[in-house]
PDB file of N, CA and C in Angstrom:
ATOM      1  N   MET A   1     209.042  -0.946  66.069  1.00  0.00           N
ATOM      2  CA  MET A   1     208.036  -1.680  66.811  1.00  0.00           C
ATOM      3  C   MET A   1     206.805  -0.820  67.063  1.00  0.00           C
ATOM      4  N   ASP A   2     206.957   0.504  67.185  1.00  0.00           N
ATOM      5  CA  ASP A   2     205.816   1.380  67.470  1.00  0.00           C
ATOM      6  C   ASP A   2     204.711   1.263  66.417  1.00  0.00           C
ATOM      7  N   GLN A   3     205.099   0.875  65.167  1.00  0.00           N
ATOM      8  CA  GLN A   3     204.091   0.734  64.135  1.00  0.00           C
ATOM      9  C   GLN A   3     203.231  -0.508  64.365  1.00  0.00           C
ATOM     10  N   ASP A   4     203.742  -1.465  65.132  1.00  0.00           N
ATOM     11  CA  ASP A   4     203.052  -2.735  65.333  1.00  0.00           C
ATOM     12  C   ASP A   4     202.164  -2.759  66.570  1.00  0.00           C
ATOM     13  N   ILE A   5     202.235  -1.708  67.399  1.00  0.00           N
ATOM     14  CA  ILE A   5     201.499  -1.722  68.665  1.00  0.00           C
ATOM     15  C   ILE A   5     200.661  -0.469  68.857  1.00  0.00           C
ATOM     16  N   ASN A   6     199.659  -0.602  69.708  1.00  0.00           N
ATOM     17  CA  ASN A   6     198.903   0.541  70.221  1.00  0.00           C
ATOM     18  C   ASN A   6     199.226   0.608  71.706  1.00  0.00           C
ATOM     19  N   LYS A   7     200.096   1.542  72.072  1.00  0.00           N
ATOM     20  CA  LYS A   7     200.519   1.644  73.469  1.00  0.00           C
ATOM     21  C   LYS A   7     199.360   2.130  74.327  1.00  0.00           C
ATOM     22  N   ILE A   8     199.211   1.492  75.481  1.00  0.00           N
ATOM     23  CA  ILE A   8     198.164   1.866  76.426  1.00  0.00           C
ATOM     24  C   ILE A   8     198.748   2.748  77.517  1.00  0.00           C
ATOM     25  N   TYR A   9     199.834   2.284  78.147  1.00  0.00           N
ATOM     26  CA  TYR A   9     200.429   3.009  79.278  1.00  0.00           C
ATOM     27  C   TYR A   9     201.867   2.542  79.456  1.00  0.00           C
ATOM     28  N   HIS A  10     202.696   3.436  79.986  1.00  0.00           N
ATOM     29  CA  HIS A  10     204.057   3.035  80.344  1.00  0.00           C
ATOM     30  C   HIS A  10     204.526   3.851  81.533  1.00  0.00           C
ATOM     31  N   ASN A  11     205.468   3.283  82.265  1.00  0.00           N
ATOM     32  CA  ASN A  11     206.198   4.018  83.296  1.00  0.00           C
ATOM     33  C   ASN A  11     207.657   3.589  83.185  1.00  0.00           C
ATOM     34  N   ASP A  12     208.502   4.008  84.119  1.00  0.00           N
ATOM     35  CA  ASP A  12     209.920   3.666  84.038  1.00  0.00           C
ATOM     36  C   ASP A  12     210.170   2.163  84.197  1.00  0.00           C
ATOM     37  N   PHE A  13     209.195   1.438  84.705  1.00  0.00           N
ATOM     38  CA  PHE A  13     209.355   0.015  84.993  1.00  0.00           C
ATOM     39  C   PHE A  13     208.876  -0.890  83.869  1.00  0.00           C
ATOM     40  N   GLY A  14     207.856  -0.447  83.116  1.00  0.00           N
ATOM     41  CA  GLY A  14     207.301  -1.315  82.086  1.00  0.00           C
ATOM     42  C   GLY A  14     206.355  -0.608  81.145  1.00  0.00           C
ATOM     43  N   VAL A  15     205.690  -1.404  80.329  1.00  0.00           N
ATOM     44  CA  VAL A  15     204.790  -0.869  79.306  1.00  0.00           C
ATOM     45  C   VAL A  15     203.635  -1.844  79.101  1.00  0.00           C
ATOM     46  N   SER A  16     202.494  -1.298  78.699  1.00  0.00           N
ATOM     47  CA  SER A  16     201.356  -2.130  78.302  1.00  0.00           C
ATOM     48  C   SER A  16     200.881  -1.658  76.931  1.00  0.00           C
ATOM     49  N   PHE A  17     200.495  -2.628  76.113  1.00  0.00           N
ATOM     50  CA  PHE A  17     200.045  -2.298  74.761  1.00  0.00           C
ATOM     51  C   PHE A  17     199.218  -3.437  74.193  1.00  0.00           C
ATOM     52  N   ILE A  18     198.575  -3.133  73.073  1.00  0.00           N
ATOM     53  CA  ILE A  18     197.837  -4.123  72.297  1.00  0.00           C
ATOM     54  C   ILE A  18     198.545  -4.237  70.953  1.00  0.00           C
ATOM     55  N   TRP A  19     198.805  -5.453  70.521  1.00  0.00           N
ATOM     56  CA  TRP A  19     199.353  -5.661  69.182  1.00  0.00           C
ATOM     57  C   TRP A  19     198.294  -5.235  68.181  1.00  0.00           C
ATOM     58  N   LYS A  20     198.683  -4.469  67.156  1.00  0.00           N
ATOM     59  CA  LYS A  20     197.702  -3.980  66.175  1.00  0.00           C
ATOM     60  C   LYS A  20     196.943  -5.107  65.500  1.00  0.00           C
ATOM     61  N   GLN A  21     197.593  -6.232  65.244  1.00  0.00           N
ATOM     62  CA  GLN A  21     196.872  -7.340  64.618  1.00  0.00           C
ATOM     63  C   GLN A  21     195.865  -7.960  65.573  1.00  0.00           C
ATOM     64  N   GLU A  22     195.963  -7.658  66.890  1.00  0.00           N
ATOM     65  CA  GLU A  22     195.019  -8.168  67.888  1.00  0.00           C
ATOM     66  C   GLU A  22     193.828  -7.240  68.084  1.00  0.00           C
ATOM     67  N   THR A  23     193.879  -6.013  67.558  1.00  0.00           N
ATOM     68  CA  THR A  23     192.790  -5.069  67.745  1.00  0.00           C
ATOM     69  C   THR A  23     191.526  -5.667  67.138  1.00  0.00           C
ATOM     70  N   PRO A  24     190.503  -5.864  67.965  1.00  0.00           N
ATOM     71  CA  PRO A  24     189.324  -6.591  67.498  1.00  0.00           C
ATOM     72  C   PRO A  24     188.478  -5.788  66.520  1.00  0.00           C
ATOM     73  N   LYS A  25     187.929  -6.495  65.545  1.00  0.00           N
ATOM     74  CA  LYS A  25     187.003  -5.869  64.599  1.00  0.00           C
ATOM     75  C   LYS A  25     185.605  -5.853  65.209  1.00  0.00           C
ATOM     76  N   LYS A  26     185.342  -6.850  66.042  1.00  0.00           N
ATOM     77  CA  LYS A  26     184.035  -6.964  66.688  1.00  0.00           C
ATOM     78  C   LYS A  26     184.122  -6.441  68.108  1.00  0.00           C
ATOM     79  N   LYS A  27     183.133  -6.736  68.900  1.00  0.00           N
ATOM     80  CA  LYS A  27     183.026  -6.229  70.273  1.00  0.00           C
ATOM     81  C   LYS A  27     183.887  -7.014  71.274  1.00  0.00           C
ATOM     82  N   GLN A  28     184.581  -8.068  70.830  1.00  0.00           N
ATOM     83  CA  GLN A  28     185.379  -8.865  71.761  1.00  0.00           C
ATOM     84  C   GLN A  28     186.557  -8.067  72.305  1.00  0.00           C
ATOM     85  N   SER A  29     187.008  -8.448  73.463  1.00  0.00           N
ATOM     86  CA  SER A  29     188.106  -7.750  74.125  1.00  0.00           C
ATOM     87  C   SER A  29     189.442  -8.365  73.731  1.00  0.00           C
ATOM     88  N   PRO A  30     190.394  -7.542  73.283  1.00  0.00           N
ATOM     89  CA  PRO A  30     191.704  -8.083  72.910  1.00  0.00           C
ATOM     90  C   PRO A  30     192.542  -8.408  74.150  1.00  0.00           C
ATOM     91  N   LYS A  31     193.551  -9.224  73.954  1.00  0.00           N
ATOM     92  CA  LYS A  31     194.492  -9.469  75.043  1.00  0.00           C
ATOM     93  C   LYS A  31     195.494  -8.317  75.057  1.00  0.00           C
ATOM     94  N   ILE A  32     195.948  -7.993  76.258  1.00  0.00           N
ATOM     95  CA  ILE A  32     196.856  -6.868  76.457  1.00  0.00           C
ATOM     96  C   ILE A  32     198.215  -7.418  76.864  1.00  0.00           C
ATOM     97  N   GLN A  33     199.249  -6.917  76.223  1.00  0.00           N
ATOM     98  CA  GLN A  33     200.621  -7.312  76.548  1.00  0.00           C
ATOM     99  C   GLN A  33     201.125  -6.359  77.628  1.00  0.00           C
ATOM    100  N   ILE A  34     201.593  -6.912  78.747  1.00  0.00           N
ATOM    101  CA  ILE A  34     202.180  -6.119  79.819  1.00  0.00           C
ATOM    102  C   ILE A  34     203.599  -6.628  80.023  1.00  0.00           C
ATOM    103  N   ILE A  35     204.565  -5.733  79.881  1.00  0.00           N
ATOM    104  CA  ILE A  35     205.969  -6.126  79.967  1.00  0.00           C
ATOM    105  C   ILE A  35     206.646  -5.331  81.071  1.00  0.00           C
ATOM    106  N   PHE A  36     207.343  -6.054  81.960  1.00  0.00           N
ATOM    107  CA  PHE A  36     208.184  -5.435  82.983  1.00  0.00           C
ATOM    108  C   PHE A  36     209.215  -6.460  83.445  1.00  0.00           C
ATOM    109  N   ARG A  37     210.324  -5.988  83.952  1.00  0.00           N
ATOM    110  CA  ARG A  37     211.397  -6.828  84.481  1.00  0.00           C
ATOM    111  C   ARG A  37     211.710  -8.033  83.582  1.00  0.00           C
ATOM    112  N   ASP A  38     211.932  -7.781  82.312  1.00  0.00           N
ATOM    113  CA  ASP A  38     212.311  -8.816  81.344  1.00  0.00           C
ATOM    114  C   ASP A  38     211.261  -9.918  81.183  1.00  0.00           C
ATOM    115  N   MET A  39     210.015  -9.637  81.505  1.00  0.00           N
ATOM    116  CA  MET A  39     208.939 -10.615  81.362  1.00  0.00           C
ATOM    117  C   MET A  39     207.762  -9.972  80.654  1.00  0.00           C
ATOM    118  N   GLY A  40     207.043 -10.785  79.930  1.00  0.00           N
ATOM    119  CA  GLY A  40     205.828 -10.309  79.276  1.00  0.00           C
ATOM    120  C   GLY A  40     204.647 -11.178  79.661  1.00  0.00           C
ATOM    121  N   PHE A  41     203.538 -10.538  79.952  1.00  0.00           N
ATOM    122  CA  PHE A  41     202.294 -11.239  80.250  1.00  0.00           C
ATOM    123  C   PHE A  41     201.272 -10.822  79.201  1.00  0.00           C
ATOM    124  N   TYR A  42     200.559 -11.784  78.674  1.00  0.00           N
ATOM    125  CA  TYR A  42     199.556 -11.562  77.651  1.00  0.00           C
ATOM    126  C   TYR A  42     198.209 -11.841  78.302  1.00  0.00           C
ATOM    127  N   LEU A  43     197.507 -10.776  78.737  1.00  0.00           N
ATOM    128  CA  LEU A  43     196.368 -10.917  79.640  1.00  0.00           C
ATOM    129  C   LEU A  43     195.087 -10.310  79.081  1.00  0.00           C
ATOM    130  N   THR A  44     193.973 -10.864  79.518  1.00  0.00           N
ATOM    131  CA  THR A  44     192.677 -10.266  79.225  1.00  0.00           C
ATOM    132  C   THR A  44     192.420  -9.154  80.251  1.00  0.00           C
ATOM    133  N   TYR A  45     191.403  -8.362  79.993  1.00  0.00           N
ATOM    134  CA  TYR A  45     191.022  -7.305  80.926  1.00  0.00           C
ATOM    135  C   TYR A  45     190.715  -7.893  82.308  1.00  0.00           C
ATOM    136  N   ARG A  46     189.967  -8.984  82.340  1.00  0.00           N
ATOM    137  CA  ARG A  46     189.621  -9.612  83.626  1.00  0.00           C
ATOM    138  C   ARG A  46     190.849 -10.122  84.370  1.00  0.00           C
ATOM    139  N   GLU A  47     191.816 -10.646  83.638  1.00  0.00           N
ATOM    140  CA  GLU A  47     193.051 -11.118  84.277  1.00  0.00           C
ATOM    141  C   GLU A  47     193.845  -9.950  84.859  1.00  0.00           C
ATOM    142  N   ILE A  48     193.783  -8.809  84.200  1.00  0.00           N
ATOM    143  CA  ILE A  48     194.467  -7.617  84.729  1.00  0.00           C
ATOM    144  C   ILE A  48     193.787  -7.162  86.012  1.00  0.00           C
ATOM    145  N   ILE A  49     192.470  -7.203  86.059  1.00  0.00           N
ATOM    146  CA  ILE A  49     191.732  -6.882  87.294  1.00  0.00           C
ATOM    147  C   ILE A  49     192.141  -7.841  88.409  1.00  0.00           C
ATOM    148  N   GLN A  50     192.222  -9.113  88.095  1.00  0.00           N
ATOM    149  CA  GLN A  50     192.639 -10.131  89.072  1.00  0.00           C
ATOM    150  C   GLN A  50     194.061  -9.834  89.561  1.00  0.00           C
ATOM    151  N   PHE A  51     194.945  -9.465  88.657  1.00  0.00           N
ATOM    152  CA  PHE A  51     196.326  -9.136  89.006  1.00  0.00           C
ATOM    153  C   PHE A  51     196.363  -7.926  89.936  1.00  0.00           C
ATOM    154  N   GLN A  52     195.545  -6.924  89.649  1.00  0.00           N
ATOM    155  CA  GLN A  52     195.486  -5.742  90.502  1.00  0.00           C
ATOM    156  C   GLN A  52     195.044  -6.112  91.917  1.00  0.00           C
ATOM    157  N   LYS A  53     194.107  -7.028  92.037  1.00  0.00           N
ATOM    158  CA  LYS A  53     193.662  -7.469  93.361  1.00  0.00           C
ATOM    159  C   LYS A  53     194.786  -8.168  94.115  1.00  0.00           C
ATOM    160  N   GLN A  54     195.575  -8.960  93.428  1.00  0.00           N
ATOM    161  CA  GLN A  54     196.720  -9.619  94.060  1.00  0.00           C
ATOM    162  C   GLN A  54     197.764  -8.597  94.517  1.00  0.00           C
ATOM    163  N   ILE A  55     197.978  -7.581  93.695  1.00  0.00           N
ATOM    164  CA  ILE A  55     198.919  -6.512  94.052  1.00  0.00           C
ATOM    165  C   ILE A  55     198.449  -5.809  95.322  1.00  0.00           C
ATOM    166  N   GLN A  56     197.158  -5.483  95.388  1.00  0.00           N
ATOM    167  CA  GLN A  56     196.615  -4.816  96.571  1.00  0.00           C
ATOM    168  C   GLN A  56     196.717  -5.704  97.806  1.00  0.00           C
ATOM    169  N   TYR A  57     196.491  -6.995  97.624  1.00  0.00           N
ATOM    170  CA  TYR A  57     196.609  -7.934  98.747  1.00  0.00           C
ATOM    171  C   TYR A  57     198.032  -7.930  99.305  1.00  0.00           C
ATOM    172  N   VAL A  58     199.024  -8.022  98.424  1.00  0.00           N
ATOM    173  CA  VAL A  58     200.417  -8.019  98.874  1.00  0.00           C
ATOM    174  C   VAL A  58     200.767  -6.671  99.500  1.00  0.00           C
ATOM    175  N   LYS A  59     200.284  -5.619  98.896  1.00  0.00           N
ATOM    176  CA  LYS A  59     200.575  -4.258  99.376  1.00  0.00           C
ATOM    177  C   LYS A  59     200.074  -4.037 100.805  1.00  0.00           C
ATOM    178  N   PHE A  60     198.889  -4.538 101.105  1.00  0.00           N
ATOM    179  CA  PHE A  60     198.294  -4.262 102.414  1.00  0.00           C
ATOM    180  C   PHE A  60     198.455  -5.380 103.436  1.00  0.00           C
ATOM    181  N   SER A  61     198.991  -6.519 103.022  1.00  0.00           N
ATOM    182  CA  SER A  61     199.218  -7.598 103.991  1.00  0.00           C
ATOM    183  C   SER A  61     200.701  -7.881 104.154  1.00  0.00           C
ATOM    184  N   ASN A  62     201.505  -6.892 103.875  1.00  0.00           N
ATOM    185  CA  ASN A  62     202.960  -7.039 103.911  1.00  0.00           C
ATOM    186  C   ASN A  62     203.466  -7.089 105.349  1.00  0.00           C
ATOM    187  N   PRO A  63     203.923  -8.248 105.813  1.00  0.00           N
ATOM    188  CA  PRO A  63     204.391  -8.365 107.194  1.00  0.00           C
ATOM    189  C   PRO A  63     205.758  -7.710 107.432  1.00  0.00           C
ATOM    190  N   CYS A  64     206.459  -7.393 106.351  1.00  0.00           N
ATOM    191  CA  CYS A  64     207.814  -6.837 106.490  1.00  0.00           C
ATOM    192  C   CYS A  64     207.858  -5.347 106.189  1.00  0.00           C
ATOM    193  N   ALA A  65     206.770  -4.651 106.427  1.00  0.00           N
ATOM    194  CA  ALA A  65     206.712  -3.227 106.109  1.00  0.00           C
ATOM    195  C   ALA A  65     207.769  -2.420 106.856  1.00  0.00           C
ATOM    196  N   GLN A  66     208.188  -2.896 108.014  1.00  0.00           N
ATOM    197  CA  GLN A  66     209.174  -2.172 108.811  1.00  0.00           C
ATOM    198  C   GLN A  66     210.607  -2.660 108.574  1.00  0.00           C
ATOM    199  N   CYS A  67     210.798  -3.617 107.677  1.00  0.00           N
ATOM    200  CA  CYS A  67     212.139  -4.159 107.421  1.00  0.00           C
ATOM    201  C   CYS A  67     213.081  -3.064 106.927  1.00  0.00           C
ATOM    202  N   LYS A  68     214.300  -3.137 107.375  1.00  0.00           N
ATOM    203  CA  LYS A  68     215.295  -2.131 107.030  1.00  0.00           C
ATOM    204  C   LYS A  68     215.611  -2.117 105.528  1.00  0.00           C
ATOM    205  N   TYR A  69     215.647  -3.285 104.898  1.00  0.00           N
ATOM    206  CA  TYR A  69     216.049  -3.386 103.496  1.00  0.00           C
ATOM    207  C   TYR A  69     214.881  -3.722 102.566  1.00  0.00           C
ATOM    208  N   LYS A  70     213.670  -3.301 102.930  1.00  0.00           N
ATOM    209  CA  LYS A  70     212.481  -3.641 102.145  1.00  0.00           C
ATOM    210  C   LYS A  70     212.531  -3.086 100.722  1.00  0.00           C
ATOM    211  N   GLU A  71     213.265  -2.007 100.530  1.00  0.00           N
ATOM    212  CA  GLU A  71     213.343  -1.393  99.206  1.00  0.00           C
ATOM    213  C   GLU A  71     214.141  -2.259  98.228  1.00  0.00           C
ATOM    214  N   ARG A  72     215.109  -3.021  98.733  1.00  0.00           N
ATOM    215  CA  ARG A  72     216.012  -3.768  97.854  1.00  0.00           C
ATOM    216  C   ARG A  72     215.800  -5.279  97.867  1.00  0.00           C
ATOM    217  N   ASN A  73     215.438  -5.838  98.987  1.00  0.00           N
ATOM    218  CA  ASN A  73     215.304  -7.296  99.097  1.00  0.00           C
ATOM    219  C   ASN A  73     213.978  -7.766  98.513  1.00  0.00           C
ATOM    220  N   ARG A  74     214.046  -8.820  97.746  1.00  0.00           N
ATOM    221  CA  ARG A  74     212.832  -9.381  97.122  1.00  0.00           C
ATOM    222  C   ARG A  74     212.221 -10.415  98.054  1.00  0.00           C
ATOM    223  N   PHE A  75     211.534  -9.940  99.059  1.00  0.00           N
ATOM    224  CA  PHE A  75     210.959 -10.822 100.072  1.00  0.00           C
ATOM    225  C   PHE A  75     209.458 -11.025  99.903  1.00  0.00           C
ATOM    226  N   MET A  76     208.832 -10.305  98.981  1.00  0.00           N
ATOM    227  CA  MET A  76     207.392 -10.434  98.766  1.00  0.00           C
ATOM    228  C   MET A  76     207.125 -11.371  97.589  1.00  0.00           C
ATOM    229  N   LEU A  77     206.100 -12.169  97.707  1.00  0.00           N
ATOM    230  CA  LEU A  77     205.714 -13.087  96.638  1.00  0.00           C
ATOM    231  C   LEU A  77     204.377 -12.620  96.066  1.00  0.00           C
ATOM    232  N   LEU A  78     204.401 -12.240  94.807  1.00  0.00           N
ATOM    233  CA  LEU A  78     203.213 -11.731  94.122  1.00  0.00           C
ATOM    234  C   LEU A  78     202.688 -12.794  93.156  1.00  0.00           C
ATOM    235  N   LYS A  79     201.463 -13.235  93.386  1.00  0.00           N
ATOM    236  CA  LYS A  79     200.823 -14.185  92.471  1.00  0.00           C
ATOM    237  C   LYS A  79     200.409 -13.434  91.211  1.00  0.00           C
ATOM    238  N   THR A  80     200.556 -14.086  90.081  1.00  0.00           N
ATOM    239  CA  THR A  80     200.148 -13.501  88.809  1.00  0.00           C
ATOM    240  C   THR A  80     198.906 -14.244  88.304  1.00  0.00           C
ATOM    241  N   PRO A  81     198.247 -13.721  87.274  1.00  0.00           N
ATOM    242  CA  PRO A  81     197.100 -14.435  86.709  1.00  0.00           C
ATOM    243  C   PRO A  81     197.481 -15.781  86.077  1.00  0.00           C
ATOM    244  N   CYS A  82     198.760 -15.987  85.842  1.00  0.00           N
ATOM    245  CA  CYS A  82     199.244 -17.272  85.325  1.00  0.00           C
ATOM    246  C   CYS A  82     199.528 -18.161  86.531  1.00  0.00           C
ATOM    247  N   SER A  83     198.746 -19.198  86.703  1.00  0.00           N
ATOM    248  CA  SER A  83     198.808 -19.993  87.933  1.00  0.00           C
ATOM    249  C   SER A  83     200.184 -20.611  88.205  1.00  0.00           C
ATOM    250  N   GLN A  84     200.987 -20.808  87.182  1.00  0.00           N
ATOM    251  CA  GLN A  84     202.307 -21.395  87.380  1.00  0.00           C
ATOM    252  C   GLN A  84     203.392 -20.361  87.674  1.00  0.00           C
ATOM    253  N   VAL A  85     203.043 -19.066  87.693  1.00  0.00           N
ATOM    254  CA  VAL A  85     204.057 -18.022  87.839  1.00  0.00           C
ATOM    255  C   VAL A  85     203.743 -17.109  89.021  1.00  0.00           C
ATOM    256  N   ASP A  86     204.660 -17.070  89.973  1.00  0.00           N
ATOM    257  CA  ASP A  86     204.652 -16.086  91.064  1.00  0.00           C
ATOM    258  C   ASP A  86     205.932 -15.287  90.947  1.00  0.00           C
ATOM    259  N   LEU A  87     205.908 -14.044  91.392  1.00  0.00           N
ATOM    260  CA  LEU A  87     207.072 -13.177  91.289  1.00  0.00           C
ATOM    261  C   LEU A  87     207.625 -12.821  92.664  1.00  0.00           C
ATOM    262  N   ALA A  88     208.932 -12.938  92.836  1.00  0.00           N
ATOM    263  CA  ALA A  88     209.596 -12.441  94.036  1.00  0.00           C
ATOM    264  C   ALA A  88     209.965 -10.989  93.748  1.00  0.00           C
ATOM    265  N   ILE A  89     209.413 -10.073  94.544  1.00  0.00           N
ATOM    266  CA  ILE A  89     209.599  -8.646  94.280  1.00  0.00           C
ATOM    267  C   ILE A  89     209.947  -7.903  95.561  1.00  0.00           C
ATOM    268  N   ASN A  90     210.479  -6.688  95.389  1.00  0.00           N
ATOM    269  CA  ASN A  90     210.730  -5.820  96.538  1.00  0.00           C
ATOM    270  C   ASN A  90     209.687  -4.702  96.557  1.00  0.00           C
ATOM    271  N   ALA A  91     209.769  -3.845  97.546  1.00  0.00           N
ATOM    272  CA  ALA A  91     208.755  -2.792  97.730  1.00  0.00           C
ATOM    273  C   ALA A  91     208.726  -1.803  96.562  1.00  0.00           C
ATOM    274  N   LEU A  92     209.886  -1.470  96.013  1.00  0.00           N
ATOM    275  CA  LEU A  92     209.914  -0.535  94.885  1.00  0.00           C
ATOM    276  C   LEU A  92     209.280  -1.153  93.641  1.00  0.00           C
ATOM    277  N   GLU A  93     209.579  -2.426  93.406  1.00  0.00           N
ATOM    278  CA  GLU A  93     208.980  -3.103  92.262  1.00  0.00           C
ATOM    279  C   GLU A  93     207.470  -3.226  92.432  1.00  0.00           C
ATOM    280  N   LEU A  94     207.024  -3.506  93.637  1.00  0.00           N
ATOM    281  CA  LEU A  94     205.584  -3.583  93.896  1.00  0.00           C
ATOM    282  C   LEU A  94     204.910  -2.254  93.578  1.00  0.00           C
ATOM    283  N   ARG A  95     205.521  -1.158  94.004  1.00  0.00           N
ATOM    284  CA  ARG A  95     204.971   0.173  93.720  1.00  0.00           C
ATOM    285  C   ARG A  95     204.896   0.413  92.214  1.00  0.00           C
ATOM    286  N   ASP A  96     205.955   0.053  91.489  1.00  0.00           N
ATOM    287  CA  ASP A  96     205.992   0.289  90.047  1.00  0.00           C
ATOM    288  C   ASP A  96     205.019  -0.609  89.284  1.00  0.00           C
ATOM    289  N   ILE A  97     204.893  -1.869  89.711  1.00  0.00           N
ATOM    290  CA  ILE A  97     203.926  -2.776  89.084  1.00  0.00           C
ATOM    291  C   ILE A  97     202.510  -2.272  89.351  1.00  0.00           C
ATOM    292  N   ASP A  98     202.259  -1.821  90.569  1.00  0.00           N
ATOM    293  CA  ASP A  98     200.952  -1.265  90.925  1.00  0.00           C
ATOM    294  C   ASP A  98     200.607  -0.087  90.017  1.00  0.00           C
ATOM    295  N   ASP A  99     201.552   0.811  89.813  1.00  0.00           N
ATOM    296  CA  ASP A  99     201.329   1.966  88.940  1.00  0.00           C
ATOM    297  C   ASP A  99     201.076   1.521  87.503  1.00  0.00           C
ATOM    298  N   LEU A 100     201.851   0.566  87.016  1.00  0.00           N
ATOM    299  CA  LEU A 100     201.698   0.085  85.640  1.00  0.00           C
ATOM    300  C   LEU A 100     200.317  -0.541  85.427  1.00  0.00           C
ATOM    301  N   ILE A 101     199.890  -1.368  86.350  1.00  0.00           N
ATOM    302  CA  ILE A 101     198.583  -2.025  86.221  1.00  0.00           C
ATOM    303  C   ILE A 101     197.448  -1.011  86.383  1.00  0.00           C
ATOM    304  N   ALA A 102     197.551  -0.128  87.374  1.00  0.00           N
ATOM    305  CA  ALA A 102     196.510   0.896  87.583  1.00  0.00           C
ATOM    306  C   ALA A 102     196.414   1.835  86.382  1.00  0.00           C
ATOM    307  N   GLY A 103     197.555   2.252  85.854  1.00  0.00           N
ATOM    308  CA  GLY A 103     197.564   3.130  84.677  1.00  0.00           C
ATOM    309  C   GLY A 103     196.985   2.446  83.456  1.00  0.00           C
ATOM    310  N   THR A 104     197.285   1.173  83.296  1.00  0.00           N
ATOM    311  CA  THR A 104     196.735   0.394  82.176  1.00  0.00           C
ATOM    312  C   THR A 104     195.224   0.320  82.280  1.00  0.00           C
ATOM    313  N   LEU A 105     194.726  -0.040  83.451  1.00  0.00           N
ATOM    314  CA  LEU A 105     193.269  -0.130  83.640  1.00  0.00           C
ATOM    315  C   LEU A 105     192.598   1.216  83.436  1.00  0.00           C
ATOM    316  N   PHE A 106     193.207   2.284  83.958  1.00  0.00           N
ATOM    317  CA  PHE A 106     192.634   3.621  83.799  1.00  0.00           C
ATOM    318  C   PHE A 106     192.480   3.970  82.321  1.00  0.00           C
ATOM    319  N   HIS A 107     193.526   3.741  81.542  1.00  0.00           N
ATOM    320  CA  HIS A 107     193.481   4.111  80.127  1.00  0.00           C
ATOM    321  C   HIS A 107     192.528   3.230  79.330  1.00  0.00           C
ATOM    322  N   ILE A 108     192.442   1.957  79.660  1.00  0.00           N
ATOM    323  CA  ILE A 108     191.469   1.077  78.988  1.00  0.00           C
ATOM    324  C   ILE A 108     190.057   1.555  79.289  1.00  0.00           C
ATOM    325  N   GLU A 109     189.773   1.831  80.559  1.00  0.00           N
ATOM    326  CA  GLU A 109     188.429   2.266  80.952  1.00  0.00           C
ATOM    327  C   GLU A 109     188.098   3.645  80.393  1.00  0.00           C
ATOM    328  N   LEU A 110     189.078   4.534  80.341  1.00  0.00           N
ATOM    329  CA  LEU A 110     188.873   5.855  79.748  1.00  0.00           C
ATOM    330  C   LEU A 110     188.548   5.723  78.258  1.00  0.00           C
ATOM    331  N   ASP A 111     189.296   4.890  77.548  1.00  0.00           N
ATOM    332  CA  ASP A 111     189.022   4.648  76.124  1.00  0.00           C
ATOM    333  C   ASP A 111     187.612   4.100  75.920  1.00  0.00           C
ATOM    334  N   ASP A 112     187.234   3.129  76.747  1.00  0.00           N
ATOM    335  CA  ASP A 112     185.886   2.556  76.640  1.00  0.00           C
ATOM    336  C   ASP A 112     184.821   3.622  76.881  1.00  0.00           C
ATOM    337  N   TYR A 113     185.041   4.467  77.879  1.00  0.00           N
ATOM    338  CA  TYR A 113     184.088   5.521  78.210  1.00  0.00           C
ATOM    339  C   TYR A 113     183.953   6.526  77.054  1.00  0.00           C
ATOM    340  N   VAL A 114     185.078   6.971  76.530  1.00  0.00           N
ATOM    341  CA  VAL A 114     185.056   7.950  75.433  1.00  0.00           C
ATOM    342  C   VAL A 114     184.396   7.343  74.201  1.00  0.00           C
ATOM    343  N   ASN A 115     184.724   6.090  73.893  1.00  0.00           N
ATOM    344  CA  ASN A 115     184.104   5.429  72.734  1.00  0.00           C
ATOM    345  C   ASN A 115     182.597   5.291  72.916  1.00  0.00           C
ATOM    346  N   GLU A 116     182.156   5.018  74.125  1.00  0.00           N
ATOM    347  CA  GLU A 116     180.718   4.896  74.406  1.00  0.00           C
ATOM    348  C   GLU A 116     180.022   6.255  74.269  1.00  0.00           C
ATOM    349  N   ILE A 117     180.649   7.313  74.762  1.00  0.00           N
ATOM    350  CA  ILE A 117     180.090   8.671  74.667  1.00  0.00           C
ATOM    351  C   ILE A 117     179.993   9.103  73.205  1.00  0.00           C
ATOM    352  N   CYS A 118     181.018   8.787  72.420  1.00  0.00           N
ATOM    353  CA  CYS A 118     181.048   9.203  71.014  1.00  0.00           C
ATOM    354  C   CYS A 118     179.998   8.489  70.169  1.00  0.00           C
ATOM    355  N   LYS A 119     179.542   7.324  70.627  1.00  0.00           N
ATOM    356  CA  LYS A 119     178.486   6.609  69.901  1.00  0.00           C
ATOM    357  C   LYS A 119     177.171   7.373  69.962  1.00  0.00           C
ATOM    358  N   ASN A 120     176.967   8.085  71.065  1.00  0.00           N
ATOM    359  CA  ASN A 120     175.685   8.782  71.274  1.00  0.00           C
ATOM    360  C   ASN A 120     175.666  10.113  70.640  1.00  0.00           C
TER     361      ASN A 120
END
């Protein structure tokens, strides 16, 4: 499978990549595959930004921060960029999803920056 993808970022929870056949020839932005917890999301850059905002909202508006079993119980509801899909997650999963999305955005933006610098 590694021959078919350009990996962007991974952690112990998931991975993000672009399918090689999706790598754009023109200036358009490809969709990014993000896989975690037996699910895959096929998202644009803007949808990933939107997802990150939802993650931050759940992270900072968590009413159960003091719950005894917050690490294991899936009591948080995380909205995804797919309007029909919300995820029930626990605090550890939220942390790992946050890292996966932040790492993905960092590497996409770093690639864009380096490519822009190399043009000059």
